[in-house]
Amino acid sequence: MGHQFALILDRELTEQESVTLKERSSADLTFAGAALPTDASVAVTRVTFEDEVTPTLAQAIEAGFEAVKAIPDLGIPGLSVPAQPAGTDSGDDARPAEEKTEAHS
């Protein structure tokens, strides 16, 4: 089961920057032009990440941040995380819940 989230980048990307992001990420990326939610006159890029490889949502988001850092002068003013499919673990500990509790004697 994969993880899905979107990053709002602070400007429109060039074609080469889009290629760089795709090369730096193990996720499947979708790019869309958008407007900054707080100021509709500011053009931004919404990048949707569909990550089938990374074990946790937190790690997938961190990997997305790292991919964006490869492009100079690019900021991330927004993160959107929709409800994840049932069965995905959004935390750092991927053990089943019954293994996370301590045994009482």
PDB file of N, CA and C in Angstrom:
ATOM      1  N   MET A   1       0.836  -1.174   0.000  1.00  0.00           N
ATOM      2  CA  MET A   1       0.000   0.000   0.000  1.00  0.00           C
ATOM      3  C   MET A   1       0.884   1.242   0.000  1.00  0.00           C
ATOM      4  N   GLY A   2       0.566   2.168  -0.840  1.00  0.00           N
ATOM      5  CA  GLY A   2       1.384   3.360  -0.986  1.00  0.00           C
ATOM      6  C   GLY A   2       0.905   4.525  -0.149  1.00  0.00           C
ATOM      7  N   HIS A   3       1.666   5.586  -0.245  1.00  0.00           N
ATOM      8  CA  HIS A   3       1.376   6.823   0.475  1.00  0.00           C
ATOM      9  C   HIS A   3       1.183   7.928  -0.547  1.00  0.00           C
ATOM     10  N   GLN A   4       0.224   8.810  -0.284  1.00  0.00           N
ATOM     11  CA  GLN A   4      -0.017   9.919  -1.190  1.00  0.00           C
ATOM     12  C   GLN A   4      -0.029  11.222  -0.399  1.00  0.00           C
ATOM     13  N   PHE A   5       0.599  12.257  -0.977  1.00  0.00           N
ATOM     14  CA  PHE A   5       0.593  13.588  -0.395  1.00  0.00           C
ATOM     15  C   PHE A   5       0.955  14.569  -1.494  1.00  0.00           C
ATOM     16  N   ALA A   6       0.770  15.847  -1.228  1.00  0.00           N
ATOM     17  CA  ALA A   6       1.109  16.873  -2.216  1.00  0.00           C
ATOM     18  C   ALA A   6       1.904  17.987  -1.534  1.00  0.00           C
ATOM     19  N   LEU A   7       2.872  18.502  -2.251  1.00  0.00           N
ATOM     20  CA  LEU A   7       3.628  19.666  -1.802  1.00  0.00           C
ATOM     21  C   LEU A   7       3.271  20.831  -2.706  1.00  0.00           C
ATOM     22  N   ILE A   8       3.055  21.986  -2.107  1.00  0.00           N
ATOM     23  CA  ILE A   8       2.848  23.211  -2.865  1.00  0.00           C
ATOM     24  C   ILE A   8       4.193  23.920  -2.899  1.00  0.00           C
ATOM     25  N   LEU A   9       4.718  24.137  -4.100  1.00  0.00           N
ATOM     26  CA  LEU A   9       6.012  24.801  -4.269  1.00  0.00           C
ATOM     27  C   LEU A   9       5.777  26.282  -4.556  1.00  0.00           C
ATOM     28  N   ASP A  10       6.688  27.126  -4.138  1.00  0.00           N
ATOM     29  CA  ASP A  10       6.434  28.565  -4.125  1.00  0.00           C
ATOM     30  C   ASP A  10       6.492  29.282  -5.479  1.00  0.00           C
ATOM     31  N   ARG A  11       6.648  28.532  -6.540  1.00  0.00           N
ATOM     32  CA  ARG A  11       6.642  29.147  -7.877  1.00  0.00           C
ATOM     33  C   ARG A  11       6.393  28.064  -8.917  1.00  0.00           C
ATOM     34  N   GLU A  12       6.235  28.507 -10.163  1.00  0.00           N
ATOM     35  CA  GLU A  12       6.102  27.547 -11.253  1.00  0.00           C
ATOM     36  C   GLU A  12       7.476  26.940 -11.533  1.00  0.00           C
ATOM     37  N   LEU A  13       7.487  25.668 -11.898  1.00  0.00           N
ATOM     38  CA  LEU A  13       8.741  24.976 -12.201  1.00  0.00           C
ATOM     39  C   LEU A  13       9.059  25.048 -13.682  1.00  0.00           C
ATOM     40  N   THR A  14      10.345  25.030 -13.976  1.00  0.00           N
ATOM     41  CA  THR A  14      10.763  24.895 -15.365  1.00  0.00           C
ATOM     42  C   THR A  14      10.694  23.415 -15.731  1.00  0.00           C
ATOM     43  N   GLU A  15      10.772  23.119 -17.003  1.00  0.00           N
ATOM     44  CA  GLU A  15      10.761  21.721 -17.456  1.00  0.00           C
ATOM     45  C   GLU A  15      11.945  20.961 -16.847  1.00  0.00           C
ATOM     46  N   GLN A  16      13.116  21.587 -16.821  1.00  0.00           N
ATOM     47  CA  GLN A  16      14.307  20.932 -16.264  1.00  0.00           C
ATOM     48  C   GLN A  16      14.139  20.671 -14.768  1.00  0.00           C
ATOM     49  N   GLU A  17      13.520  21.588 -14.038  1.00  0.00           N
ATOM     50  CA  GLU A  17      13.296  21.373 -12.604  1.00  0.00           C
ATOM     51  C   GLU A  17      12.325  20.216 -12.368  1.00  0.00           C
ATOM     52  N   SER A  18      11.325  20.086 -13.225  1.00  0.00           N
ATOM     53  CA  SER A  18      10.396  18.957 -13.121  1.00  0.00           C
ATOM     54  C   SER A  18      11.137  17.644 -13.343  1.00  0.00           C
ATOM     55  N   VAL A  19      12.027  17.619 -14.326  1.00  0.00           N
ATOM     56  CA  VAL A  19      12.828  16.425 -14.604  1.00  0.00           C
ATOM     57  C   VAL A  19      13.713  16.097 -13.402  1.00  0.00           C
ATOM     58  N   THR A  20      14.323  17.114 -12.813  1.00  0.00           N
ATOM     59  CA  THR A  20      15.182  16.913 -11.644  1.00  0.00           C
ATOM     60  C   THR A  20      14.397  16.292 -10.494  1.00  0.00           C
ATOM     61  N   LEU A  21      13.203  16.804 -10.236  1.00  0.00           N
ATOM     62  CA  LEU A  21      12.373  16.238  -9.164  1.00  0.00           C
ATOM     63  C   LEU A  21      12.044  14.772  -9.436  1.00  0.00           C
ATOM     64  N   LYS A  22      11.694  14.464 -10.668  1.00  0.00           N
ATOM     65  CA  LYS A  22      11.373  13.075 -11.018  1.00  0.00           C
ATOM     66  C   LYS A  22      12.582  12.171 -10.819  1.00  0.00           C
ATOM     67  N   GLU A  23      13.774  12.667 -11.155  1.00  0.00           N
ATOM     68  CA  GLU A  23      14.996  11.872 -10.997  1.00  0.00           C
ATOM     69  C   GLU A  23      15.350  11.671  -9.532  1.00  0.00           C
ATOM     70  N   ARG A  24      15.042  12.631  -8.688  1.00  0.00           N
ATOM     71  CA  ARG A  24      15.407  12.575  -7.267  1.00  0.00           C
ATOM     72  C   ARG A  24      14.416  11.821  -6.398  1.00  0.00           C
ATOM     73  N   SER A  25      13.262  11.489  -6.949  1.00  0.00           N
ATOM     74  CA  SER A  25      12.217  10.867  -6.151  1.00  0.00           C
ATOM     75  C   SER A  25      11.933   9.446  -6.630  1.00  0.00           C
ATOM     76  N   SER A  26      11.637   8.570  -5.678  1.00  0.00           N
ATOM     77  CA  SER A  26      11.226   7.212  -6.040  1.00  0.00           C
ATOM     78  C   SER A  26       9.708   7.140  -6.208  1.00  0.00           C
ATOM     79  N   ALA A  27       9.030   8.248  -5.945  1.00  0.00           N
ATOM     80  CA  ALA A  27       7.572   8.297  -6.069  1.00  0.00           C
ATOM     81  C   ALA A  27       7.157   8.620  -7.497  1.00  0.00           C
ATOM     82  N   ASP A  28       5.915   8.346  -7.800  1.00  0.00           N
ATOM     83  CA  ASP A  28       5.314   8.746  -9.065  1.00  0.00           C
ATOM     84  C   ASP A  28       4.803  10.171  -8.856  1.00  0.00           C
ATOM     85  N   LEU A  29       5.259  11.132  -9.671  1.00  0.00           N
ATOM     86  CA  LEU A  29       4.923  12.537  -9.477  1.00  0.00           C
ATOM     87  C   LEU A  29       3.954  13.044 -10.530  1.00  0.00           C
ATOM     88  N   THR A  30       3.036  13.906 -10.101  1.00  0.00           N
ATOM     89  CA  THR A  30       2.115  14.588 -10.990  1.00  0.00           C
ATOM     90  C   THR A  30       2.231  16.078 -10.701  1.00  0.00           C
ATOM     91  N   PHE A  31       2.398  16.897 -11.739  1.00  0.00           N
ATOM     92  CA  PHE A  31       2.572  18.338 -11.585  1.00  0.00           C
ATOM     93  C   PHE A  31       1.322  19.069 -12.060  1.00  0.00           C
ATOM     94  N   ALA A  32       0.942  20.116 -11.329  1.00  0.00           N
ATOM     95  CA  ALA A  32      -0.201  20.926 -11.735  1.00  0.00           C
ATOM     96  C   ALA A  32       0.060  22.379 -11.350  1.00  0.00           C
ATOM     97  N   GLY A  33      -0.278  23.271 -12.245  1.00  0.00           N
ATOM     98  CA  GLY A  33      -0.206  24.688 -11.914  1.00  0.00           C
ATOM     99  C   GLY A  33      -1.333  25.020 -10.962  1.00  0.00           C
ATOM    100  N   ALA A  34      -1.103  25.948 -10.067  1.00  0.00           N
ATOM    101  CA  ALA A  34      -2.120  26.319  -9.088  1.00  0.00           C
ATOM    102  C   ALA A  34      -1.863  27.758  -8.647  1.00  0.00           C
ATOM    103  N   ALA A  35      -2.711  28.240  -7.781  1.00  0.00           N
ATOM    104  CA  ALA A  35      -2.535  29.558  -7.183  1.00  0.00           C
ATOM    105  C   ALA A  35      -2.325  29.365  -5.686  1.00  0.00           C
ATOM    106  N   LEU A  36      -1.539  30.228  -5.087  1.00  0.00           N
ATOM    107  CA  LEU A  36      -1.301  30.167  -3.655  1.00  0.00           C
ATOM    108  C   LEU A  36      -2.643  30.354  -2.940  1.00  0.00           C
ATOM    109  N   PRO A  37      -3.004  29.460  -2.033  1.00  0.00           N
ATOM    110  CA  PRO A  37      -4.315  29.568  -1.382  1.00  0.00           C
ATOM    111  C   PRO A  37      -4.552  30.904  -0.683  1.00  0.00           C
ATOM    112  N   THR A  38      -3.510  31.513  -0.165  1.00  0.00           N
ATOM    113  CA  THR A  38      -3.674  32.778   0.553  1.00  0.00           C
ATOM    114  C   THR A  38      -3.594  33.999  -0.353  1.00  0.00           C
ATOM    115  N   ASP A  39      -3.154  33.812  -1.610  1.00  0.00           N
ATOM    116  CA  ASP A  39      -3.051  34.922  -2.560  1.00  0.00           C
ATOM    117  C   ASP A  39      -3.183  34.358  -3.973  1.00  0.00           C
ATOM    118  N   ALA A  40      -4.379  34.446  -4.524  1.00  0.00           N
ATOM    119  CA  ALA A  40      -4.677  33.833  -5.821  1.00  0.00           C
ATOM    120  C   ALA A  40      -3.861  34.421  -6.969  1.00  0.00           C
ATOM    121  N   SER A  41      -3.198  35.564  -6.754  1.00  0.00           N
ATOM    122  CA  SER A  41      -2.397  36.158  -7.828  1.00  0.00           C
ATOM    123  C   SER A  41      -0.988  35.564  -7.909  1.00  0.00           C
ATOM    124  N   VAL A  42      -0.627  34.715  -6.958  1.00  0.00           N
ATOM    125  CA  VAL A  42       0.706  34.103  -6.937  1.00  0.00           C
ATOM    126  C   VAL A  42       0.621  32.690  -7.526  1.00  0.00           C
ATOM    127  N   ALA A  43       1.312  32.486  -8.653  1.00  0.00           N
ATOM    128  CA  ALA A  43       1.329  31.169  -9.297  1.00  0.00           C
ATOM    129  C   ALA A  43       2.293  30.247  -8.566  1.00  0.00           C
ATOM    130  N   VAL A  44       1.840  29.021  -8.290  1.00  0.00           N
ATOM    131  CA  VAL A  44       2.657  28.016  -7.617  1.00  0.00           C
ATOM    132  C   VAL A  44       2.520  26.703  -8.382  1.00  0.00           C
ATOM    133  N   THR A  45       3.263  25.703  -7.957  1.00  0.00           N
ATOM    134  CA  THR A  45       3.153  24.365  -8.544  1.00  0.00           C
ATOM    135  C   THR A  45       2.742  23.393  -7.453  1.00  0.00           C
ATOM    136  N   ARG A  46       1.755  22.581  -7.759  1.00  0.00           N
ATOM    137  CA  ARG A  46       1.330  21.512  -6.846  1.00  0.00           C
ATOM    138  C   ARG A  46       1.911  20.210  -7.390  1.00  0.00           C
ATOM    139  N   VAL A  47       2.701  19.542  -6.556  1.00  0.00           N
ATOM    140  CA  VAL A  47       3.303  18.266  -6.942  1.00  0.00           C
ATOM    141  C   VAL A  47       2.675  17.178  -6.073  1.00  0.00           C
ATOM    142  N   THR A  48       2.000  16.244  -6.717  1.00  0.00           N
ATOM    143  CA  THR A  48       1.398  15.127  -5.995  1.00  0.00           C
ATOM    144  C   THR A  48       2.351  13.938  -6.064  1.00  0.00           C
ATOM    145  N   PHE A  49       2.669  13.387  -4.911  1.00  0.00           N
ATOM    146  CA  PHE A  49       3.563  12.245  -4.783  1.00  0.00           C
ATOM    147  C   PHE A  49       2.724  11.007  -4.489  1.00  0.00           C
ATOM    148  N   GLU A  50       2.925   9.951  -5.253  1.00  0.00           N
ATOM    149  CA  GLU A  50       2.329   8.648  -4.969  1.00  0.00           C
ATOM    150  C   GLU A  50       3.485   7.685  -4.783  1.00  0.00           C
ATOM    151  N   ASP A  51       3.778   7.381  -3.530  1.00  0.00           N
ATOM    152  CA  ASP A  51       4.964   6.616  -3.156  1.00  0.00           C
ATOM    153  C   ASP A  51       4.573   5.197  -2.775  1.00  0.00           C
ATOM    154  N   GLU A  52       4.990   4.246  -3.584  1.00  0.00           N
ATOM    155  CA  GLU A  52       4.711   2.829  -3.345  1.00  0.00           C
ATOM    156  C   GLU A  52       5.910   2.110  -2.721  1.00  0.00           C
ATOM    157  N   VAL A  53       6.996   2.840  -2.488  1.00  0.00           N
ATOM    158  CA  VAL A  53       8.248   2.218  -2.057  1.00  0.00           C
ATOM    159  C   VAL A  53       8.561   2.469  -0.586  1.00  0.00           C
ATOM    160  N   THR A  54       8.413   3.696  -0.145  1.00  0.00           N
ATOM    161  CA  THR A  54       8.823   4.089   1.198  1.00  0.00           C
ATOM    162  C   THR A  54       7.900   3.460   2.249  1.00  0.00           C
ATOM    163  N   PRO A  55       8.478   2.921   3.342  1.00  0.00           N
ATOM    164  CA  PRO A  55       7.679   2.172   4.316  1.00  0.00           C
ATOM    165  C   PRO A  55       6.629   2.986   5.077  1.00  0.00           C
ATOM    166  N   THR A  56       6.909   4.248   5.416  1.00  0.00           N
ATOM    167  CA  THR A  56       5.947   5.030   6.196  1.00  0.00           C
ATOM    168  C   THR A  56       5.641   6.352   5.498  1.00  0.00           C
ATOM    169  N   LEU A  57       4.508   6.921   5.843  1.00  0.00           N
ATOM    170  CA  LEU A  57       4.128   8.219   5.289  1.00  0.00           C
ATOM    171  C   LEU A  57       5.141   9.291   5.692  1.00  0.00           C
ATOM    172  N   ALA A  58       5.577   9.265   6.937  1.00  0.00           N
ATOM    173  CA  ALA A  58       6.553  10.253   7.404  1.00  0.00           C
ATOM    174  C   ALA A  58       7.844  10.192   6.577  1.00  0.00           C
ATOM    175  N   GLN A  59       8.314   9.000   6.298  1.00  0.00           N
ATOM    176  CA  GLN A  59       9.525   8.846   5.490  1.00  0.00           C
ATOM    177  C   GLN A  59       9.283   9.283   4.047  1.00  0.00           C
ATOM    178  N   ALA A  60       8.093   9.024   3.529  1.00  0.00           N
ATOM    179  CA  ALA A  60       7.766   9.436   2.159  1.00  0.00           C
ATOM    180  C   ALA A  60       7.762  10.962   2.046  1.00  0.00           C
ATOM    181  N   ILE A  61       7.175  11.634   3.038  1.00  0.00           N
ATOM    182  CA  ILE A  61       7.148  13.100   3.025  1.00  0.00           C
ATOM    183  C   ILE A  61       8.558  13.646   3.144  1.00  0.00           C
ATOM    184  N   GLU A  62       9.360  13.089   4.024  1.00  0.00           N
ATOM    185  CA  GLU A  62      10.757  13.543   4.179  1.00  0.00           C
ATOM    186  C   GLU A  62      11.522  13.365   2.867  1.00  0.00           C
ATOM    187  N   ALA A  63      11.300  12.252   2.174  1.00  0.00           N
ATOM    188  CA  ALA A  63      11.959  12.022   0.886  1.00  0.00           C
ATOM    189  C   ALA A  63      11.504  13.073  -0.135  1.00  0.00           C
ATOM    190  N   GLY A  64      10.225  13.456  -0.084  1.00  0.00           N
ATOM    191  CA  GLY A  64       9.732  14.520  -0.964  1.00  0.00           C
ATOM    192  C   GLY A  64      10.418  15.846  -0.674  1.00  0.00           C
ATOM    193  N   PHE A  65      10.574  16.172   0.603  1.00  0.00           N
ATOM    194  CA  PHE A  65      11.285  17.404   0.986  1.00  0.00           C
ATOM    195  C   PHE A  65      12.719  17.379   0.464  1.00  0.00           C
ATOM    196  N   GLU A  66      13.381  16.240   0.615  1.00  0.00           N
ATOM    197  CA  GLU A  66      14.770  16.116   0.160  1.00  0.00           C
ATOM    198  C   GLU A  66      14.873  16.295  -1.357  1.00  0.00           C
ATOM    199  N   ALA A  67      13.927  15.767  -2.100  1.00  0.00           N
ATOM    200  CA  ALA A  67      13.932  15.920  -3.562  1.00  0.00           C
ATOM    201  C   ALA A  67      13.812  17.399  -3.933  1.00  0.00           C
ATOM    202  N   VAL A  68      12.938  18.120  -3.249  1.00  0.00           N
ATOM    203  CA  VAL A  68      12.745  19.551  -3.535  1.00  0.00           C
ATOM    204  C   VAL A  68      14.003  20.350  -3.188  1.00  0.00           C
ATOM    205  N   LYS A  69      14.696  19.963  -2.129  1.00  0.00           N
ATOM    206  CA  LYS A  69      15.924  20.672  -1.733  1.00  0.00           C
ATOM    207  C   LYS A  69      16.999  20.627  -2.810  1.00  0.00           C
ATOM    208  N   ALA A  70      16.900  19.702  -3.748  1.00  0.00           N
ATOM    209  CA  ALA A  70      17.885  19.590  -4.831  1.00  0.00           C
ATOM    210  C   ALA A  70      17.771  20.743  -5.821  1.00  0.00           C
ATOM    211  N   ILE A  71      16.688  21.500  -5.746  1.00  0.00           N
ATOM    212  CA  ILE A  71      16.480  22.624  -6.663  1.00  0.00           C
ATOM    213  C   ILE A  71      16.711  23.922  -5.894  1.00  0.00           C
ATOM    214  N   PRO A  72      17.727  24.698  -6.284  1.00  0.00           N
ATOM    215  CA  PRO A  72      18.036  25.934  -5.567  1.00  0.00           C
ATOM    216  C   PRO A  72      16.877  26.935  -5.597  1.00  0.00           C
ATOM    217  N   ASP A  73      16.747  27.684  -4.528  1.00  0.00           N
ATOM    218  CA  ASP A  73      15.768  28.773  -4.422  1.00  0.00           C
ATOM    219  C   ASP A  73      14.326  28.326  -4.592  1.00  0.00           C
ATOM    220  N   LEU A  74      14.014  27.117  -4.178  1.00  0.00           N
ATOM    221  CA  LEU A  74      12.652  26.612  -4.260  1.00  0.00           C
ATOM    222  C   LEU A  74      12.159  26.335  -2.846  1.00  0.00           C
ATOM    223  N   GLY A  75      11.013  26.893  -2.508  1.00  0.00           N
ATOM    224  CA  GLY A  75      10.457  26.714  -1.172  1.00  0.00           C
ATOM    225  C   GLY A  75       9.184  25.900  -1.204  1.00  0.00           C
ATOM    226  N   ILE A  76       8.766  25.457  -0.017  1.00  0.00           N
ATOM    227  CA  ILE A  76       7.563  24.638   0.124  1.00  0.00           C
ATOM    228  C   ILE A  76       6.623  25.346   1.106  1.00  0.00           C
ATOM    229  N   PRO A  77       5.720  26.182   0.610  1.00  0.00           N
ATOM    230  CA  PRO A  77       4.803  26.849   1.524  1.00  0.00           C
ATOM    231  C   PRO A  77       3.601  26.004   1.936  1.00  0.00           C
ATOM    232  N   GLY A  78       3.438  24.810   1.355  1.00  0.00           N
ATOM    233  CA  GLY A  78       2.274  24.016   1.717  1.00  0.00           C
ATOM    234  C   GLY A  78       2.473  22.523   1.573  1.00  0.00           C
ATOM    235  N   LEU A  79       1.781  21.788   2.421  1.00  0.00           N
ATOM    236  CA  LEU A  79       1.767  20.331   2.412  1.00  0.00           C
ATOM    237  C   LEU A  79       0.322  19.900   2.572  1.00  0.00           C
ATOM    238  N   SER A  80      -0.108  18.973   1.752  1.00  0.00           N
ATOM    239  CA  SER A  80      -1.469  18.449   1.830  1.00  0.00           C
ATOM    240  C   SER A  80      -1.388  16.936   1.914  1.00  0.00           C
ATOM    241  N   VAL A  81      -2.003  16.384   2.955  1.00  0.00           N
ATOM    242  CA  VAL A  81      -1.988  14.939   3.148  1.00  0.00           C
ATOM    243  C   VAL A  81      -3.433  14.454   3.237  1.00  0.00           C
ATOM    244  N   PRO A  82      -3.934  13.829   2.177  1.00  0.00           N
ATOM    245  CA  PRO A  82      -5.306  13.312   2.227  1.00  0.00           C
ATOM    246  C   PRO A  82      -5.360  12.073   3.116  1.00  0.00           C
ATOM    247  N   ALA A  83      -6.559  11.649   3.434  1.00  0.00           N
ATOM    248  CA  ALA A  83      -6.720  10.397   4.179  1.00  0.00           C
ATOM    249  C   ALA A  83      -6.006   9.295   3.405  1.00  0.00           C
ATOM    250  N   GLN A  84      -5.241   8.487   4.113  1.00  0.00           N
ATOM    251  CA  GLN A  84      -4.468   7.420   3.480  1.00  0.00           C
ATOM    252  C   GLN A  84      -5.315   6.157   3.400  1.00  0.00           C
ATOM    253  N   PRO A  85      -5.029   5.290   2.420  1.00  0.00           N
ATOM    254  CA  PRO A  85      -5.781   4.038   2.295  1.00  0.00           C
ATOM    255  C   PRO A  85      -5.680   3.204   3.569  1.00  0.00           C
ATOM    256  N   ALA A  86      -6.706   2.452   3.873  1.00  0.00           N
ATOM    257  CA  ALA A  86      -6.695   1.581   5.050  1.00  0.00           C
ATOM    258  C   ALA A  86      -5.507   0.633   4.973  1.00  0.00           C
ATOM    259  N   GLY A  87      -4.884   0.416   6.110  1.00  0.00           N
ATOM    260  CA  GLY A  87      -3.762  -0.508   6.147  1.00  0.00           C
ATOM    261  C   GLY A  87      -2.410   0.153   6.010  1.00  0.00           C
ATOM    262  N   THR A  88      -2.360   1.461   5.702  1.00  0.00           N
ATOM    263  CA  THR A  88      -1.070   2.129   5.627  1.00  0.00           C
ATOM    264  C   THR A  88      -0.722   2.655   7.001  1.00  0.00           C
ATOM    265  N   ASP A  89       0.540   2.679   7.305  1.00  0.00           N
ATOM    266  CA  ASP A  89       1.028   3.149   8.596  1.00  0.00           C
ATOM    267  C   ASP A  89       1.635   4.519   8.393  1.00  0.00           C
ATOM    268  N   SER A  90       1.124   5.526   9.098  1.00  0.00           N
ATOM    269  CA  SER A  90       1.634   6.876   8.916  1.00  0.00           C
ATOM    270  C   SER A  90       2.749   7.210   9.904  1.00  0.00           C
ATOM    271  N   GLY A  91       3.047   6.325  10.822  1.00  0.00           N
ATOM    272  CA  GLY A  91       4.088   6.581  11.809  1.00  0.00           C
ATOM    273  C   GLY A  91       5.418   5.980  11.408  1.00  0.00           C
ATOM    274  N   ASP A  92       6.393   6.149  12.305  1.00  0.00           N
ATOM    275  CA  ASP A  92       7.727   5.631  12.025  1.00  0.00           C
ATOM    276  C   ASP A  92       7.882   4.173  12.426  1.00  0.00           C
ATOM    277  N   ASP A  93       6.984   3.654  13.251  1.00  0.00           N
ATOM    278  CA  ASP A  93       7.094   2.283  13.727  1.00  0.00           C
ATOM    279  C   ASP A  93       6.082   1.429  12.972  1.00  0.00           C
ATOM    280  N   ALA A  94       6.555   0.569  12.105  1.00  0.00           N
ATOM    281  CA  ALA A  94       5.673  -0.198  11.223  1.00  0.00           C
ATOM    282  C   ALA A  94       5.188  -1.511  11.838  1.00  0.00           C
ATOM    283  N   ARG A  95       5.487  -1.778  13.121  1.00  0.00           N
ATOM    284  CA  ARG A  95       5.034  -3.016  13.745  1.00  0.00           C
ATOM    285  C   ARG A  95       3.528  -2.964  13.953  1.00  0.00           C
ATOM    286  N   PRO A  96       2.851  -4.107  13.892  1.00  0.00           N
ATOM    287  CA  PRO A  96       1.421  -4.138  14.183  1.00  0.00           C
ATOM    288  C   PRO A  96       1.138  -3.651  15.597  1.00  0.00           C
ATOM    289  N   ALA A  97      -0.049  -3.121  15.842  1.00  0.00           N
ATOM    290  CA  ALA A  97      -0.408  -2.538  17.132  1.00  0.00           C
ATOM    291  C   ALA A  97      -0.199  -3.515  18.279  1.00  0.00           C
ATOM    292  N   GLU A  98      -0.535  -4.796  18.074  1.00  0.00           N
ATOM    293  CA  GLU A  98      -0.389  -5.757  19.163  1.00  0.00           C
ATOM    294  C   GLU A  98       1.075  -5.973  19.553  1.00  0.00           C
ATOM    295  N   GLU A  99       2.015  -5.704  18.665  1.00  0.00           N
ATOM    296  CA  GLU A  99       3.429  -5.847  18.979  1.00  0.00           C
ATOM    297  C   GLU A  99       3.972  -4.597  19.657  1.00  0.00           C
ATOM    298  N   LYS A 100       3.254  -3.491  19.581  1.00  0.00           N
ATOM    299  CA  LYS A 100       3.716  -2.229  20.156  1.00  0.00           C
ATOM    300  C   LYS A 100       3.435  -2.144  21.660  1.00  0.00           C
ATOM    301  N   THR A 101       2.500  -2.935  22.156  1.00  0.00           N
ATOM    302  CA  THR A 101       2.163  -2.884  23.568  1.00  0.00           C
ATOM    303  C   THR A 101       3.120  -3.764  24.347  1.00  0.00           C
ATOM    304  N   GLU A 102       3.375  -3.363  25.575  1.00  0.00           N
ATOM    305  CA  GLU A 102       4.281  -4.139  26.408  1.00  0.00           C
ATOM    306  C   GLU A 102       3.508  -5.270  27.080  1.00  0.00           C
ATOM    307  N   ALA A 103       4.160  -6.411  27.253  1.00  0.00           N
ATOM    308  CA  ALA A 103       3.544  -7.546  27.944  1.00  0.00           C
ATOM    309  C   ALA A 103       3.512  -7.261  29.439  1.00  0.00           C
ATOM    310  N   HIS A 104       2.388  -7.514  30.082  1.00  0.00           N
ATOM    311  CA  HIS A 104       2.255  -7.321  31.528  1.00  0.00           C
ATOM    312  C   HIS A 104       2.248  -8.678  32.188  1.00  0.00           C
ATOM    313  N   SER A 105       3.026  -8.818  33.289  1.00  0.00           N
ATOM    314  CA  SER A 105       3.032 -10.098  33.991  1.00  0.00           C
ATOM    315  C   SER A 105       2.389 -10.013  35.334  1.00  0.00           C
TER     316      SER A 105
END
